[in-house]
Amino acid sequence: MRDHRPKSTLDLLENNASGQVRQRALALAKLNEQIKDLLPAQSAKHCRVANYRDGTLILECGSSSWATRLNYDRQMLLSALRREALPTLSTIEIKVNPDLAKSDIRITAEKKKAEPRTLSPIAAEYLKAVAEMVPDKLKKRLEAIAALSNKGEQ
């Protein structure tokens, strides 16, 4: 017979497949933090834990150059993880995931957008000098760009 009694939400989340997925995700996130603590700061920014199964840790990085750097640190990382967190760890696989590099590029582009770009007065003078020697259509555009230098000073 089926049990029709109400169940708590916590019970449902912990005991079904989604609860197992959640627990696995939390375990991988914790492992990811441990690995980032063990790696050099630059390498840690460009990699993450993808999976751990059957004694194999799978790390993802954004490009092949970061994969090469991680390969240099593989033995150190393997022995440190065996000592501290994963005694059953047998190997580390490093895979390239270009989506990680794309997210890094997007973050860098957002930071650059926040910084206002300015035109120096010297560059404005050069633009005005060049504008004297070009056709009218281009002359108007160069003068408009040179005028931006005056706005930046105000």
Protein backbone atom coordinates (compact mmCIF):
# COMPACT_ATOMS: atom_id res chain seq x y z
CA MET A 1 0.00 0.00 0.00
CA ARG A 2 0.99 3.53 -0.61
CA ASP A 3 1.72 5.91 2.23
CA HIS A 4 -0.45 9.01 1.75
CA ARG A 5 0.65 10.90 4.82
CA PRO A 6 2.11 14.36 4.25
CA LYS A 7 5.92 14.63 4.17
CA SER A 8 8.06 17.56 5.15
CA THR A 9 9.80 19.50 2.41
CA LEU A 10 13.20 18.83 3.95
CA ASP A 11 12.48 15.09 3.89
CA LEU A 12 11.54 15.27 0.22
CA LEU A 13 14.66 17.25 -0.68
CA GLU A 14 17.04 14.97 1.17
CA ASN A 15 15.67 11.53 0.29
CA ASN A 16 14.99 11.65 -3.43
CA ALA A 17 17.21 12.00 -6.48
CA SER A 18 17.34 15.81 -6.31
CA GLY A 19 18.60 15.56 -2.73
CA GLN A 20 21.40 13.28 -3.85
CA VAL A 21 22.31 15.67 -6.66
CA ARG A 22 22.33 18.55 -4.18
CA GLN A 23 24.60 16.65 -1.77
CA ARG A 24 26.95 15.74 -4.63
CA ALA A 25 27.08 19.36 -5.79
CA LEU A 26 27.91 20.52 -2.27
CA ALA A 27 30.66 17.91 -1.97
CA LEU A 28 32.17 18.99 -5.32
CA ALA A 29 31.98 22.65 -4.30
CA LYS A 30 33.84 21.87 -1.07
CA LEU A 31 36.46 19.92 -3.02
CA ASN A 32 36.77 22.82 -5.45
CA GLU A 33 37.56 25.18 -2.56
CA GLN A 34 40.20 22.79 -1.20
CA ILE A 35 41.86 22.56 -4.60
CA LYS A 36 41.86 26.34 -5.06
CA ASP A 37 43.62 26.64 -1.70
CA LEU A 38 46.31 24.18 -2.82
CA LEU A 39 46.99 25.68 -6.26
CA PRO A 40 48.96 28.86 -7.00
CA ALA A 41 46.66 31.91 -7.10
CA GLN A 42 46.77 32.42 -10.89
CA SER A 43 46.07 28.77 -11.69
CA ALA A 44 43.25 28.64 -9.16
CA LYS A 45 41.42 31.46 -10.94
CA HIS A 46 41.34 29.55 -14.21
CA CYS A 47 40.23 26.09 -13.18
CA ARG A 48 37.44 24.28 -11.37
CA VAL A 49 36.44 20.79 -10.33
CA ALA A 50 34.23 19.15 -12.94
CA ASN A 51 33.75 15.74 -11.33
CA TYR A 52 35.16 13.06 -9.07
CA ARG A 53 34.40 9.41 -9.80
CA ASP A 54 36.13 6.07 -9.35
CA GLY A 55 39.28 7.63 -7.89
CA THR A 56 39.63 10.09 -10.78
CA LEU A 57 39.41 13.83 -10.24
CA ILE A 58 38.47 15.79 -13.35
CA LEU A 59 39.53 19.44 -13.46
CA GLU A 60 38.43 21.92 -16.12
CA CYS A 61 40.40 24.93 -17.26
CA GLY A 62 39.73 27.64 -19.83
CA SER A 63 42.57 27.05 -22.28
CA SER A 64 45.30 24.61 -23.20
CA SER A 65 47.96 26.92 -21.76
CA TRP A 66 46.28 26.73 -18.34
CA ALA A 67 45.97 22.97 -18.77
CA THR A 68 49.74 22.83 -19.30
CA ARG A 69 50.36 24.86 -16.16
CA LEU A 70 48.05 22.59 -14.18
CA ASN A 71 49.90 19.56 -15.52
CA TYR A 72 53.07 20.96 -13.96
CA ASP A 73 51.30 21.09 -10.60
CA ARG A 74 49.55 17.72 -11.01
CA GLN A 75 51.88 15.60 -8.83
CA MET A 76 51.97 18.16 -6.02
CA LEU A 77 48.19 18.43 -6.12
CA LEU A 78 47.75 14.64 -6.25
CA SER A 79 49.89 14.01 -3.19
CA ALA A 80 48.39 16.91 -1.21
CA LEU A 81 44.84 15.75 -1.93
CA ARG A 82 45.68 12.17 -0.99
CA ARG A 83 47.02 13.39 2.36
CA GLU A 84 44.24 15.85 3.20
CA ALA A 85 40.94 15.06 1.49
CA LEU A 86 40.86 12.11 -0.90
CA PRO A 87 42.91 9.10 0.16
CA THR A 88 41.35 7.03 -2.66
CA LEU A 89 42.42 9.49 -5.39
CA SER A 90 44.37 7.67 -8.09
CA THR A 91 44.67 10.20 -10.92
CA ILE A 92 43.82 13.71 -12.01
CA GLU A 93 42.51 14.44 -15.50
CA ILE A 94 42.69 17.96 -16.85
CA LYS A 95 40.24 18.95 -19.57
CA VAL A 96 39.91 22.18 -21.52
CA ASN A 97 36.52 23.90 -21.35
CA PRO A 98 36.54 27.05 -23.53
CA ASP A 99 33.38 28.31 -21.81
CA LEU A 100 35.48 29.06 -18.72
CA ALA A 101 37.75 31.32 -20.77
CA LYS A 102 34.73 33.04 -22.30
CA SER A 103 33.38 33.87 -18.87
CA ASP A 104 36.80 35.29 -17.88
CA ILE A 105 36.83 37.44 -21.02
CA ARG A 106 33.30 38.67 -20.31
CA ILE A 107 34.24 39.63 -16.73
CA THR A 108 37.34 41.47 -17.97
CA ALA A 109 35.28 43.32 -20.59
CA GLU A 110 32.76 44.40 -17.95
CA LYS A 111 35.58 45.79 -15.80
CA LYS A 112 36.95 47.74 -18.77
CA LYS A 113 33.52 49.20 -19.54
CA ALA A 114 33.39 50.65 -16.05
CA GLU A 115 36.58 52.66 -16.62
CA PRO A 116 35.88 55.88 -18.56
CA ARG A 117 38.16 56.44 -21.53
CA THR A 118 39.67 59.88 -21.93
CA LEU A 119 41.47 61.69 -24.71
CA SER A 120 44.58 63.64 -23.79
CA PRO A 121 44.95 67.24 -24.95
CA ILE A 122 48.03 66.29 -26.97
CA ALA A 123 46.10 63.58 -28.83
CA ALA A 124 43.34 66.12 -29.50
CA GLU A 125 45.89 68.50 -31.05
CA TYR A 126 47.21 65.71 -33.29
CA LEU A 127 43.67 64.90 -34.41
CA LYS A 128 43.02 68.56 -35.24
CA ALA A 129 46.26 68.70 -37.24
CA VAL A 130 45.32 65.59 -39.20
CA ALA A 131 41.79 66.95 -39.74
CA GLU A 132 43.24 69.90 -41.69
CA MET A 133 44.61 67.53 -44.34
CA VAL A 134 41.64 65.20 -44.95
CA PRO A 135 38.32 65.46 -46.82
CA ASP A 136 35.44 67.36 -45.17
CA LYS A 137 33.45 64.29 -44.09
CA LEU A 138 36.38 62.81 -42.19
CA LYS A 139 37.45 66.26 -40.98
CA LYS A 140 34.13 66.73 -39.13
CA ARG A 141 34.47 63.36 -37.42
CA LEU A 142 38.06 63.96 -36.31
CA GLU A 143 37.16 67.39 -34.95
CA ALA A 144 34.24 65.86 -33.05
CA ILE A 145 36.57 63.32 -31.47
CA ALA A 146 39.08 66.07 -30.61
CA ALA A 147 36.28 68.02 -28.95
CA LEU A 148 35.81 65.12 -26.53
CA SER A 149 39.12 66.09 -24.95
CA ASN A 150 37.60 69.39 -23.88
CA LYS A 151 34.66 67.60 -22.26
CA GLY A 152 37.02 65.41 -20.23
CA GLU A 153 38.80 68.48 -18.82
CA GLN A 154 35.59 70.04 -17.54
